[in-house]
Amino acid sequence: MQIRVTATAAIAKKVHKNTGFERFINNSLNRHFSGDWGDISEEDAAANTSDPLYALSAYTAPDGVKIWIKQDYDVVTVLFPSEY
C-alpha cells in the first residue's frame, strides 16, 4: 500500500513561511507513522493502535501551535484542529 500525505491550504501556507514549522510537521509525521500518537487520550491512543489505518494523532509545536494528523486508510492529512 502506498500512503499519500496531504496538507490543508492553511498548513501549506505556514510551512511555506516557516522552515521550522516544516521540520515540526516532518517530525510529527514520523511520530505518527511509528505509532507515537502525540497529545491524545489513552483511550484514543488505544483505538489508534488497534486500527492504525484510521488514526488521529495530535502534536504541539514549540510555539504552541497544534496540529492534527488524520489517517483514513491510505490518505494522511495534516491539518489544524479548527479545520476538522
N, C-alpha and C. Protein backbone atom coordinates (compact mmCIF):
# COMPACT_ATOMS: atom_id res chain seq x y z
N MET A 1 0.85 -1.18 0.00
CA MET A 1 0.00 0.00 0.00
C MET A 1 0.89 1.24 0.00
N GLN A 2 0.54 2.19 -0.82
CA GLN A 2 1.26 3.46 -0.86
C GLN A 2 0.44 4.52 -0.15
N ILE A 3 1.05 5.16 0.83
CA ILE A 3 0.39 6.20 1.62
C ILE A 3 0.58 7.55 0.93
N ARG A 4 -0.51 8.30 0.80
CA ARG A 4 -0.44 9.65 0.22
C ARG A 4 -0.63 10.65 1.35
N VAL A 5 0.35 11.55 1.52
CA VAL A 5 0.28 12.57 2.56
C VAL A 5 -0.15 13.88 1.93
N THR A 6 -1.18 14.49 2.52
CA THR A 6 -1.68 15.78 2.06
C THR A 6 -1.70 16.74 3.25
N ALA A 7 -1.86 18.01 2.92
CA ALA A 7 -1.98 19.04 3.96
C ALA A 7 -3.03 20.04 3.51
N THR A 8 -3.69 20.64 4.46
CA THR A 8 -4.65 21.68 4.12
C THR A 8 -3.90 22.91 3.61
N ALA A 9 -4.63 23.80 2.98
CA ALA A 9 -4.02 25.04 2.47
C ALA A 9 -3.40 25.86 3.59
N ALA A 10 -4.04 25.89 4.74
CA ALA A 10 -3.52 26.68 5.87
C ALA A 10 -2.20 26.09 6.38
N ILE A 11 -2.10 24.78 6.44
CA ILE A 11 -0.84 24.14 6.85
C ILE A 11 0.24 24.45 5.81
N ALA A 12 -0.09 24.28 4.54
CA ALA A 12 0.89 24.53 3.47
C ALA A 12 1.40 25.97 3.51
N LYS A 13 0.51 26.90 3.78
CA LYS A 13 0.90 28.32 3.85
C LYS A 13 1.89 28.55 5.00
N LYS A 14 1.61 27.96 6.16
CA LYS A 14 2.51 28.13 7.30
C LYS A 14 3.86 27.44 7.05
N VAL A 15 3.85 26.29 6.42
CA VAL A 15 5.09 25.58 6.08
C VAL A 15 5.93 26.43 5.14
N HIS A 16 5.27 27.05 4.16
CA HIS A 16 5.97 27.89 3.17
C HIS A 16 6.66 29.07 3.84
N LYS A 17 6.05 29.61 4.88
CA LYS A 17 6.58 30.80 5.56
C LYS A 17 7.59 30.46 6.65
N ASN A 18 7.64 29.20 7.10
CA ASN A 18 8.40 28.89 8.30
C ASN A 18 9.04 27.50 8.18
N THR A 19 10.35 27.47 7.92
CA THR A 19 11.03 26.18 7.77
C THR A 19 11.05 25.39 9.08
N GLY A 20 11.04 26.08 10.21
CA GLY A 20 10.96 25.39 11.49
C GLY A 20 9.66 24.63 11.63
N PHE A 21 8.57 25.21 11.14
CA PHE A 21 7.27 24.54 11.17
C PHE A 21 7.29 23.33 10.24
N GLU A 22 7.97 23.46 9.12
CA GLU A 22 8.10 22.33 8.20
C GLU A 22 8.82 21.16 8.89
N ARG A 23 9.89 21.44 9.62
CA ARG A 23 10.59 20.39 10.37
C ARG A 23 9.67 19.75 11.41
N PHE A 24 8.89 20.59 12.09
CA PHE A 24 7.93 20.09 13.08
C PHE A 24 6.92 19.15 12.41
N ILE A 25 6.41 19.53 11.25
CA ILE A 25 5.45 18.67 10.53
C ILE A 25 6.11 17.34 10.17
N ASN A 26 7.31 17.39 9.62
CA ASN A 26 8.01 16.15 9.25
C ASN A 26 8.25 15.26 10.46
N ASN A 27 8.68 15.85 11.57
CA ASN A 27 8.88 15.07 12.80
C ASN A 27 7.57 14.47 13.29
N SER A 28 6.49 15.25 13.21
CA SER A 28 5.18 14.77 13.64
C SER A 28 4.71 13.61 12.76
N LEU A 29 4.92 13.70 11.46
CA LEU A 29 4.56 12.60 10.57
C LEU A 29 5.37 11.35 10.91
N ASN A 30 6.65 11.51 11.17
CA ASN A 30 7.47 10.36 11.58
C ASN A 30 6.94 9.74 12.86
N ARG A 31 6.56 10.56 13.82
CA ARG A 31 5.99 10.05 15.07
C ARG A 31 4.69 9.29 14.80
N HIS A 32 3.82 9.89 13.98
CA HIS A 32 2.54 9.26 13.65
C HIS A 32 2.77 7.88 13.03
N PHE A 33 3.66 7.81 12.04
CA PHE A 33 3.89 6.54 11.34
C PHE A 33 4.59 5.50 12.22
N SER A 34 5.22 5.95 13.30
CA SER A 34 5.87 4.99 14.21
C SER A 34 4.95 4.60 15.37
N GLY A 35 3.72 5.13 15.40
CA GLY A 35 2.77 4.77 16.45
C GLY A 35 2.83 5.63 17.68
N ASP A 36 3.55 6.74 17.62
CA ASP A 36 3.55 7.73 18.71
C ASP A 36 2.46 8.74 18.37
N TRP A 37 1.32 8.62 19.02
CA TRP A 37 0.14 9.39 18.64
C TRP A 37 0.12 10.80 19.22
N GLY A 38 1.10 11.16 20.00
CA GLY A 38 1.21 12.54 20.48
C GLY A 38 0.28 12.84 21.64
N ASP A 39 -0.36 14.01 21.56
CA ASP A 39 -1.14 14.58 22.66
C ASP A 39 -2.61 14.17 22.60
N ILE A 40 -2.87 12.87 22.75
CA ILE A 40 -4.26 12.39 22.74
C ILE A 40 -4.50 11.56 23.99
N SER A 41 -5.76 11.26 24.25
CA SER A 41 -6.11 10.49 25.44
C SER A 41 -5.64 9.04 25.29
N GLU A 42 -5.53 8.36 26.42
CA GLU A 42 -5.14 6.94 26.41
C GLU A 42 -6.16 6.11 25.62
N GLU A 43 -7.43 6.47 25.75
CA GLU A 43 -8.49 5.75 25.04
C GLU A 43 -8.33 5.90 23.53
N ASP A 44 -8.08 7.14 23.07
CA ASP A 44 -7.88 7.37 21.64
C ASP A 44 -6.60 6.69 21.15
N ALA A 45 -5.55 6.70 21.97
CA ALA A 45 -4.30 6.04 21.59
C ALA A 45 -4.53 4.54 21.42
N ALA A 46 -5.31 3.95 22.31
CA ALA A 46 -5.61 2.52 22.20
C ALA A 46 -6.39 2.22 20.93
N ALA A 47 -7.35 3.08 20.59
CA ALA A 47 -8.12 2.90 19.36
C ALA A 47 -7.21 3.02 18.14
N ASN A 48 -6.29 3.99 18.16
CA ASN A 48 -5.34 4.15 17.05
C ASN A 48 -4.46 2.92 16.90
N THR A 49 -3.99 2.40 18.02
CA THR A 49 -3.10 1.25 17.99
C THR A 49 -3.82 0.01 17.46
N SER A 50 -5.10 -0.13 17.78
CA SER A 50 -5.85 -1.29 17.31
C SER A 50 -6.22 -1.17 15.83
N ASP A 51 -6.30 0.04 15.30
CA ASP A 51 -6.64 0.24 13.89
C ASP A 51 -5.87 1.45 13.34
N PRO A 52 -4.55 1.31 13.15
CA PRO A 52 -3.73 2.46 12.77
C PRO A 52 -4.03 3.04 11.38
N LEU A 53 -4.76 2.31 10.55
CA LEU A 53 -5.09 2.86 9.23
C LEU A 53 -6.21 3.89 9.31
N TYR A 54 -6.82 4.02 10.47
CA TYR A 54 -7.85 5.05 10.70
C TYR A 54 -7.53 5.75 12.01
N ALA A 55 -6.39 6.44 12.03
CA ALA A 55 -5.88 7.02 13.27
C ALA A 55 -5.92 8.55 13.22
N LEU A 56 -6.01 9.14 14.40
CA LEU A 56 -5.90 10.59 14.56
C LEU A 56 -4.85 10.85 15.62
N SER A 57 -3.84 11.62 15.26
CA SER A 57 -2.81 11.99 16.22
C SER A 57 -2.79 13.51 16.35
N ALA A 58 -2.21 13.99 17.44
CA ALA A 58 -2.18 15.44 17.72
C ALA A 58 -0.82 15.80 18.30
N TYR A 59 -0.29 16.91 17.83
CA TYR A 59 1.04 17.35 18.26
C TYR A 59 1.03 18.86 18.46
N THR A 60 1.90 19.31 19.36
CA THR A 60 2.01 20.74 19.65
C THR A 60 3.42 21.20 19.32
N ALA A 61 3.52 22.21 18.46
CA ALA A 61 4.81 22.78 18.06
C ALA A 61 5.42 23.55 19.23
N PRO A 62 6.72 23.80 19.19
CA PRO A 62 7.36 24.57 20.27
C PRO A 62 6.73 25.94 20.51
N ASP A 63 6.14 26.53 19.47
CA ASP A 63 5.50 27.85 19.64
C ASP A 63 4.05 27.74 20.10
N GLY A 64 3.59 26.51 20.41
CA GLY A 64 2.24 26.31 20.93
C GLY A 64 1.19 25.99 19.88
N VAL A 65 1.54 26.04 18.61
CA VAL A 65 0.59 25.73 17.53
C VAL A 65 0.31 24.23 17.53
N LYS A 66 -0.97 23.89 17.49
CA LYS A 66 -1.39 22.49 17.50
C LYS A 66 -1.75 22.04 16.08
N ILE A 67 -1.39 20.80 15.77
CA ILE A 67 -1.80 20.19 14.51
C ILE A 67 -2.41 18.83 14.80
N TRP A 68 -3.21 18.38 13.85
CA TRP A 68 -3.71 17.02 13.87
C TRP A 68 -3.22 16.32 12.62
N ILE A 69 -3.01 15.03 12.73
CA ILE A 69 -2.73 14.19 11.57
C ILE A 69 -3.81 13.12 11.55
N LYS A 70 -4.58 13.12 10.47
CA LYS A 70 -5.73 12.21 10.33
C LYS A 70 -5.43 11.22 9.23
N GLN A 71 -5.45 9.94 9.58
CA GLN A 71 -5.22 8.90 8.58
C GLN A 71 -6.52 8.19 8.28
N ASP A 72 -6.87 8.14 7.00
CA ASP A 72 -8.02 7.38 6.51
C ASP A 72 -7.49 6.40 5.47
N TYR A 73 -7.14 5.23 5.94
CA TYR A 73 -6.56 4.15 5.16
C TYR A 73 -5.26 4.60 4.49
N ASP A 74 -5.28 4.95 3.20
CA ASP A 74 -4.03 5.29 2.52
C ASP A 74 -3.85 6.79 2.28
N VAL A 75 -4.70 7.61 2.88
CA VAL A 75 -4.57 9.07 2.78
C VAL A 75 -4.36 9.64 4.18
N VAL A 76 -3.29 10.40 4.33
CA VAL A 76 -2.95 11.04 5.60
C VAL A 76 -3.01 12.54 5.38
N THR A 77 -3.78 13.24 6.22
CA THR A 77 -3.95 14.68 6.08
C THR A 77 -3.43 15.38 7.32
N VAL A 78 -2.62 16.41 7.10
CA VAL A 78 -2.14 17.27 8.19
C VAL A 78 -3.02 18.51 8.19
N LEU A 79 -3.58 18.85 9.36
CA LEU A 79 -4.50 19.97 9.45
C LEU A 79 -4.43 20.61 10.82
N PHE A 80 -4.98 21.81 10.91
CA PHE A 80 -5.16 22.45 12.21
C PHE A 80 -6.47 21.94 12.80
N PRO A 81 -6.56 21.80 14.13
CA PRO A 81 -7.80 21.30 14.74
C PRO A 81 -9.04 22.10 14.32
N SER A 82 -8.89 23.39 14.11
CA SER A 82 -10.04 24.22 13.72
C SER A 82 -10.56 23.89 12.33
N GLU A 83 -9.79 23.13 11.55
CA GLU A 83 -10.20 22.79 10.19
C GLU A 83 -10.96 21.46 10.12
N TYR A 84 -11.10 20.77 11.23
CA TYR A 84 -11.75 19.46 11.21
C TYR A 84 -13.25 19.61 11.22
